[in-house]
Amino acid sequence: MRPFVIFAALVTSLVGLVGTSGAKGLQPVQLSDTIPVYRLYNPGNQDHLLTSDANEASELPYQGFGYEGIEFYAAPRPGPGLMPLYRFSQAQGTHFYHTSQNPARRPGVRYEGVLGYIAQQRIPGTRPLYRWHNPQQDLYFYTTDRRGEAAAINQYRYDGVVGYVVK
């Protein structure tokens, strides 16, 4: 599977990057696979939901979500140079994702778990995961498309790079 080959290169590169920073005795992380991260959209509340759970991705269309496909691949376990991508839900039923388990504390925000592990730095075989935010509706959109797909025309503002993923 192509994503695995790229991700194996990613981990090897990360070990090399970390190894050159002075850490000694690092062993490469043995990843047997990557996990797809699916993107779904709920037109009712305009939620763009990411999930690495294939069962959830297959059930959500029965709850009003449209399936948009695999957005990227992530590591299923921690490793050198990788950081967790956490999923949160908001009071209005929408979701956002962050690399901190304690993002800005707001009423109604609920931690839902780790989506997967993504690279902290850009290395060969990865691309940025961009975050867009619609401040009027407090909605978030995540994509590997540097132009944000149609985010800008839908009142989303560019909000930075979350990390680096395999596409």
C-alpha atoms as a PDB file:
ATOM      1  CA  MET A   1       0.000   0.000   0.000  1.00  0.00           C
ATOM      2  CA  ARG A   2       1.511   3.331  -1.056  1.00  0.00           C
ATOM      3  CA  PRO A   3       0.642   5.283   2.131  1.00  0.00           C
ATOM      4  CA  PHE A   4       2.554   2.706   4.186  1.00  0.00           C
ATOM      5  CA  VAL A   5       5.676   3.080   2.038  1.00  0.00           C
ATOM      6  CA  ILE A   6       5.559   6.857   2.372  1.00  0.00           C
ATOM      7  CA  PHE A   7       4.879   6.619   6.104  1.00  0.00           C
ATOM      8  CA  ALA A   8       7.766   4.191   6.604  1.00  0.00           C
ATOM      9  CA  ALA A   9       9.988   6.782   4.885  1.00  0.00           C
ATOM     10  CA  LEU A  10       8.478   9.439   7.160  1.00  0.00           C
ATOM     11  CA  VAL A  11       9.352   7.495  10.310  1.00  0.00           C
ATOM     12  CA  THR A  12      12.848   6.709   9.033  1.00  0.00           C
ATOM     13  CA  SER A  13      13.387  10.399   8.248  1.00  0.00           C
ATOM     14  CA  LEU A  14      12.053  11.428  11.644  1.00  0.00           C
ATOM     15  CA  VAL A  15      14.413   9.034  13.407  1.00  0.00           C
ATOM     16  CA  GLY A  16      17.246  10.554  11.398  1.00  0.00           C
ATOM     17  CA  LEU A  17      16.156  14.084  12.305  1.00  0.00           C
ATOM     18  CA  VAL A  18      15.834  13.279  15.980  1.00  0.00           C
ATOM     19  CA  GLY A  19      19.077  11.287  15.917  1.00  0.00           C
ATOM     20  CA  THR A  20      21.055  14.264  14.597  1.00  0.00           C
ATOM     21  CA  SER A  21      19.818  16.472  17.406  1.00  0.00           C
ATOM     22  CA  GLY A  22      21.916  14.644  19.959  1.00  0.00           C
ATOM     23  CA  ALA A  23      19.553  11.899  21.134  1.00  0.00           C
ATOM     24  CA  LYS A  24      21.480   8.625  21.263  1.00  0.00           C
ATOM     25  CA  GLY A  25      20.267   5.065  21.031  1.00  0.00           C
ATOM     26  CA  LEU A  26      17.026   5.819  19.201  1.00  0.00           C
ATOM     27  CA  GLN A  27      15.530   2.811  17.496  1.00  0.00           C
ATOM     28  CA  PRO A  28      13.175   3.194  14.530  1.00  0.00           C
ATOM     29  CA  VAL A  29       9.523   2.794  15.380  1.00  0.00           C
ATOM     30  CA  GLN A  30       8.122  -0.327  13.735  1.00  0.00           C
ATOM     31  CA  LEU A  31       4.816   0.683  12.175  1.00  0.00           C
ATOM     32  CA  SER A  32       2.919  -2.157  10.609  1.00  0.00           C
ATOM     33  CA  ASP A  33       0.365   0.167   9.017  1.00  0.00           C
ATOM     34  CA  THR A  34      -1.072   3.613   8.785  1.00  0.00           C
ATOM     35  CA  ILE A  35      -4.654   4.514   9.458  1.00  0.00           C
ATOM     36  CA  PRO A  36      -6.854   6.446   7.073  1.00  0.00           C
ATOM     37  CA  VAL A  37      -8.496   9.579   8.422  1.00  0.00           C
ATOM     38  CA  TYR A  38     -11.917  10.045   6.844  1.00  0.00           C
ATOM     39  CA  ARG A  39     -13.673  13.374   6.395  1.00  0.00           C
ATOM     40  CA  LEU A  40     -17.449  13.715   6.569  1.00  0.00           C
ATOM     41  CA  TYR A  41     -19.718  16.743   6.371  1.00  0.00           C
ATOM     42  CA  ASN A  42     -23.037  17.443   8.104  1.00  0.00           C
ATOM     43  CA  PRO A  43     -25.001  20.108   6.172  1.00  0.00           C
ATOM     44  CA  GLY A  44     -27.375  20.516   9.148  1.00  0.00           C
ATOM     45  CA  ASN A  45     -24.804  22.105  11.456  1.00  0.00           C
ATOM     46  CA  GLN A  46     -21.982  22.541   8.887  1.00  0.00           C
ATOM     47  CA  ASP A  47     -19.657  20.235  10.831  1.00  0.00           C
ATOM     48  CA  HIS A  48     -16.595  18.876   9.045  1.00  0.00           C
ATOM     49  CA  LEU A  49     -15.803  15.755  11.043  1.00  0.00           C
ATOM     50  CA  LEU A  50     -12.585  13.730  10.880  1.00  0.00           C
ATOM     51  CA  THR A  51     -12.456  10.161  12.123  1.00  0.00           C
ATOM     52  CA  SER A  52      -9.948   7.337  11.998  1.00  0.00           C
ATOM     53  CA  ASP A  53     -12.656   4.847  12.982  1.00  0.00           C
ATOM     54  CA  ALA A  54     -13.919   3.038   9.855  1.00  0.00           C
ATOM     55  CA  ASN A  55     -17.072   1.953  11.711  1.00  0.00           C
ATOM     56  CA  GLU A  56     -17.889   5.534  12.670  1.00  0.00           C
ATOM     57  CA  ALA A  57     -17.230   6.675   9.079  1.00  0.00           C
ATOM     58  CA  SER A  58     -19.685   4.060   7.784  1.00  0.00           C
ATOM     59  CA  GLU A  59     -22.384   4.880  10.382  1.00  0.00           C
ATOM     60  CA  LEU A  60     -22.346   8.692  10.209  1.00  0.00           C
ATOM     61  CA  PRO A  61     -24.032   8.896   6.781  1.00  0.00           C
ATOM     62  CA  TYR A  62     -27.137   7.454   8.519  1.00  0.00           C
ATOM     63  CA  GLN A  63     -26.982  10.452  10.897  1.00  0.00           C
ATOM     64  CA  GLY A  64     -26.988  13.126   8.200  1.00  0.00           C
ATOM     65  CA  PHE A  65     -23.278  13.259   7.338  1.00  0.00           C
ATOM     66  CA  GLY A  66     -22.038  13.050   3.765  1.00  0.00           C
ATOM     67  CA  TYR A  67     -18.914  10.996   3.170  1.00  0.00           C
ATOM     68  CA  GLU A  68     -16.119  13.096   1.590  1.00  0.00           C
ATOM     69  CA  GLY A  69     -13.381  10.444   1.468  1.00  0.00           C
ATOM     70  CA  ILE A  70      -9.993   9.843   3.030  1.00  0.00           C
ATOM     71  CA  GLU A  71      -8.401  13.200   3.840  1.00  0.00           C
ATOM     72  CA  PHE A  72      -5.001  11.846   4.954  1.00  0.00           C
ATOM     73  CA  TYR A  73      -3.203   8.988   6.699  1.00  0.00           C
ATOM     74  CA  ALA A  74      -1.822   9.100  10.246  1.00  0.00           C
ATOM     75  CA  ALA A  75       0.266   6.857  12.447  1.00  0.00           C
ATOM     76  CA  PRO A  76      -1.776   4.636  14.766  1.00  0.00           C
ATOM     77  CA  ARG A  77       0.795   4.892  17.579  1.00  0.00           C
ATOM     78  CA  PRO A  78       3.215   7.485  18.979  1.00  0.00           C
ATOM     79  CA  GLY A  79       6.751   7.629  17.616  1.00  0.00           C
ATOM     80  CA  PRO A  80       9.799   9.908  17.378  1.00  0.00           C
ATOM     81  CA  GLY A  81       8.878  13.254  15.827  1.00  0.00           C
ATOM     82  CA  LEU A  82       5.156  12.502  15.976  1.00  0.00           C
ATOM     83  CA  MET A  83       2.504  14.251  18.039  1.00  0.00           C
ATOM     84  CA  PRO A  84      -1.084  13.305  18.832  1.00  0.00           C
ATOM     85  CA  LEU A  85      -3.944  14.968  17.011  1.00  0.00           C
ATOM     86  CA  TYR A  86      -6.817  15.218  19.502  1.00  0.00           C
ATOM     87  CA  ARG A  87     -10.504  15.439  18.620  1.00  0.00           C
ATOM     88  CA  PHE A  88     -12.912  17.711  20.507  1.00  0.00           C
ATOM     89  CA  SER A  89     -16.627  18.359  20.199  1.00  0.00           C
ATOM     90  CA  GLN A  90     -18.266  21.698  20.877  1.00  0.00           C
ATOM     91  CA  ALA A  91     -21.618  22.462  22.501  1.00  0.00           C
ATOM     92  CA  GLN A  92     -23.290  23.048  19.109  1.00  0.00           C
ATOM     93  CA  GLY A  93     -22.279  19.530  18.000  1.00  0.00           C
ATOM     94  CA  THR A  94     -19.369  20.505  15.751  1.00  0.00           C
ATOM     95  CA  HIS A  95     -15.774  19.313  16.037  1.00  0.00           C
ATOM     96  CA  PHE A  96     -12.245  20.672  16.055  1.00  0.00           C
ATOM     97  CA  TYR A  97      -8.793  19.098  16.291  1.00  0.00           C
ATOM     98  CA  HIS A  98      -5.688  20.207  18.142  1.00  0.00           C
ATOM     99  CA  THR A  99      -2.232  18.957  19.038  1.00  0.00           C
ATOM    100  CA  SER A 100      -2.733  20.035  22.651  1.00  0.00           C
ATOM    101  CA  GLN A 101      -4.987  17.992  24.896  1.00  0.00           C
ATOM    102  CA  ASN A 102      -5.919  21.237  26.657  1.00  0.00           C
ATOM    103  CA  PRO A 103      -6.664  23.850  23.986  1.00  0.00           C
ATOM    104  CA  ALA A 104      -8.226  27.172  24.990  1.00  0.00           C
ATOM    105  CA  ARG A 105     -10.754  26.215  27.615  1.00  0.00           C
ATOM    106  CA  ARG A 106     -14.272  27.122  26.575  1.00  0.00           C
ATOM    107  CA  PRO A 107     -17.621  26.080  27.982  1.00  0.00           C
ATOM    108  CA  GLY A 108     -19.143  23.087  26.248  1.00  0.00           C
ATOM    109  CA  VAL A 109     -15.902  21.713  24.761  1.00  0.00           C
ATOM    110  CA  ARG A 110     -15.517  17.968  25.259  1.00  0.00           C
ATOM    111  CA  TYR A 111     -12.390  15.863  24.672  1.00  0.00           C
ATOM    112  CA  GLU A 112     -13.134  12.836  22.441  1.00  0.00           C
ATOM    113  CA  GLY A 113      -9.733  11.162  22.121  1.00  0.00           C
ATOM    114  CA  VAL A 114      -6.723  10.810  19.838  1.00  0.00           C
ATOM    115  CA  LEU A 115      -7.453  10.784  16.112  1.00  0.00           C
ATOM    116  CA  GLY A 116      -3.928   9.608  15.204  1.00  0.00           C
ATOM    117  CA  TYR A 117      -0.321  10.791  15.283  1.00  0.00           C
ATOM    118  CA  ILE A 118       1.097  13.335  12.840  1.00  0.00           C
ATOM    119  CA  ALA A 119       4.574  14.719  12.139  1.00  0.00           C
ATOM    120  CA  GLN A 120       5.764  17.853  13.920  1.00  0.00           C
ATOM    121  CA  GLN A 121       8.011  18.943  11.040  1.00  0.00           C
ATOM    122  CA  ARG A 122       7.731  18.722   7.280  1.00  0.00           C
ATOM    123  CA  ILE A 123       9.765  15.857   5.882  1.00  0.00           C
ATOM    124  CA  PRO A 124       9.775  14.117   2.487  1.00  0.00           C
ATOM    125  CA  GLY A 125       6.502  12.319   1.783  1.00  0.00           C
ATOM    126  CA  THR A 126       4.351  14.568   3.979  1.00  0.00           C
ATOM    127  CA  ARG A 127       2.275  17.632   3.341  1.00  0.00           C
ATOM    128  CA  PRO A 128       0.850  20.245   5.671  1.00  0.00           C
ATOM    129  CA  LEU A 129      -2.533  19.806   7.297  1.00  0.00           C
ATOM    130  CA  TYR A 130      -4.118  23.261   7.148  1.00  0.00           C
ATOM    131  CA  ARG A 131      -6.706  24.582   9.603  1.00  0.00           C
ATOM    132  CA  TRP A 132      -9.362  27.101   8.543  1.00  0.00           C
ATOM    133  CA  HIS A 133     -11.742  28.788  10.995  1.00  0.00           C
ATOM    134  CA  ASN A 134     -15.088  30.502  10.496  1.00  0.00           C
ATOM    135  CA  PRO A 135     -15.219  32.886  13.498  1.00  0.00           C
ATOM    136  CA  GLN A 136     -18.853  33.911  12.933  1.00  0.00           C
ATOM    137  CA  GLN A 137     -20.065  30.335  13.454  1.00  0.00           C
ATOM    138  CA  ASP A 138     -17.045  28.924  15.322  1.00  0.00           C
ATOM    139  CA  LEU A 139     -16.610  26.213  12.682  1.00  0.00           C
ATOM    140  CA  TYR A 140     -13.341  24.560  11.676  1.00  0.00           C
ATOM    141  CA  PHE A 141     -12.208  22.970   8.424  1.00  0.00           C
ATOM    142  CA  TYR A 142      -9.090  20.830   7.885  1.00  0.00           C
ATOM    143  CA  THR A 143      -7.532  20.023   4.535  1.00  0.00           C
ATOM    144  CA  THR A 144      -4.245  19.166   2.848  1.00  0.00           C
ATOM    145  CA  ASP A 145      -5.141  21.594   0.038  1.00  0.00           C
ATOM    146  CA  ARG A 146      -3.054  24.751   0.549  1.00  0.00           C
ATOM    147  CA  ARG A 147      -5.822  26.865  -0.996  1.00  0.00           C
ATOM    148  CA  GLY A 148      -8.355  25.506   1.479  1.00  0.00           C
ATOM    149  CA  GLU A 149     -10.694  24.071  -1.152  1.00  0.00           C
ATOM    150  CA  ALA A 150     -13.736  26.403  -0.889  1.00  0.00           C
ATOM    151  CA  ALA A 151     -13.042  27.549   2.685  1.00  0.00           C
ATOM    152  CA  ALA A 152     -12.256  31.180   1.877  1.00  0.00           C
ATOM    153  CA  ILE A 153     -15.475  31.755  -0.068  1.00  0.00           C
ATOM    154  CA  ASN A 154     -17.437  30.190   2.799  1.00  0.00           C
ATOM    155  CA  GLN A 155     -16.169  32.807   5.298  1.00  0.00           C
ATOM    156  CA  TYR A 156     -13.380  30.647   6.721  1.00  0.00           C
ATOM    157  CA  ARG A 157     -10.059  32.284   7.521  1.00  0.00           C
ATOM    158  CA  TYR A 158      -6.705  30.590   7.275  1.00  0.00           C
ATOM    159  CA  ASP A 159      -5.631  29.567  10.785  1.00  0.00           C
ATOM    160  CA  GLY A 160      -2.258  27.886  10.246  1.00  0.00           C
ATOM    161  CA  VAL A 161      -0.640  24.483   9.865  1.00  0.00           C
ATOM    162  CA  VAL A 162      -1.596  21.858  12.437  1.00  0.00           C
ATOM    163  CA  GLY A 163       1.167  19.418  11.519  1.00  0.00           C
ATOM    164  CA  TYR A 164       2.283  17.204   8.631  1.00  0.00           C
ATOM    165  CA  VAL A 165       0.486  14.150   7.291  1.00  0.00           C
ATOM    166  CA  VAL A 166       0.733  11.508   4.609  1.00  0.00           C
ATOM    167  CA  LYS A 167      -1.651  12.094   1.717  1.00  0.00           C
END
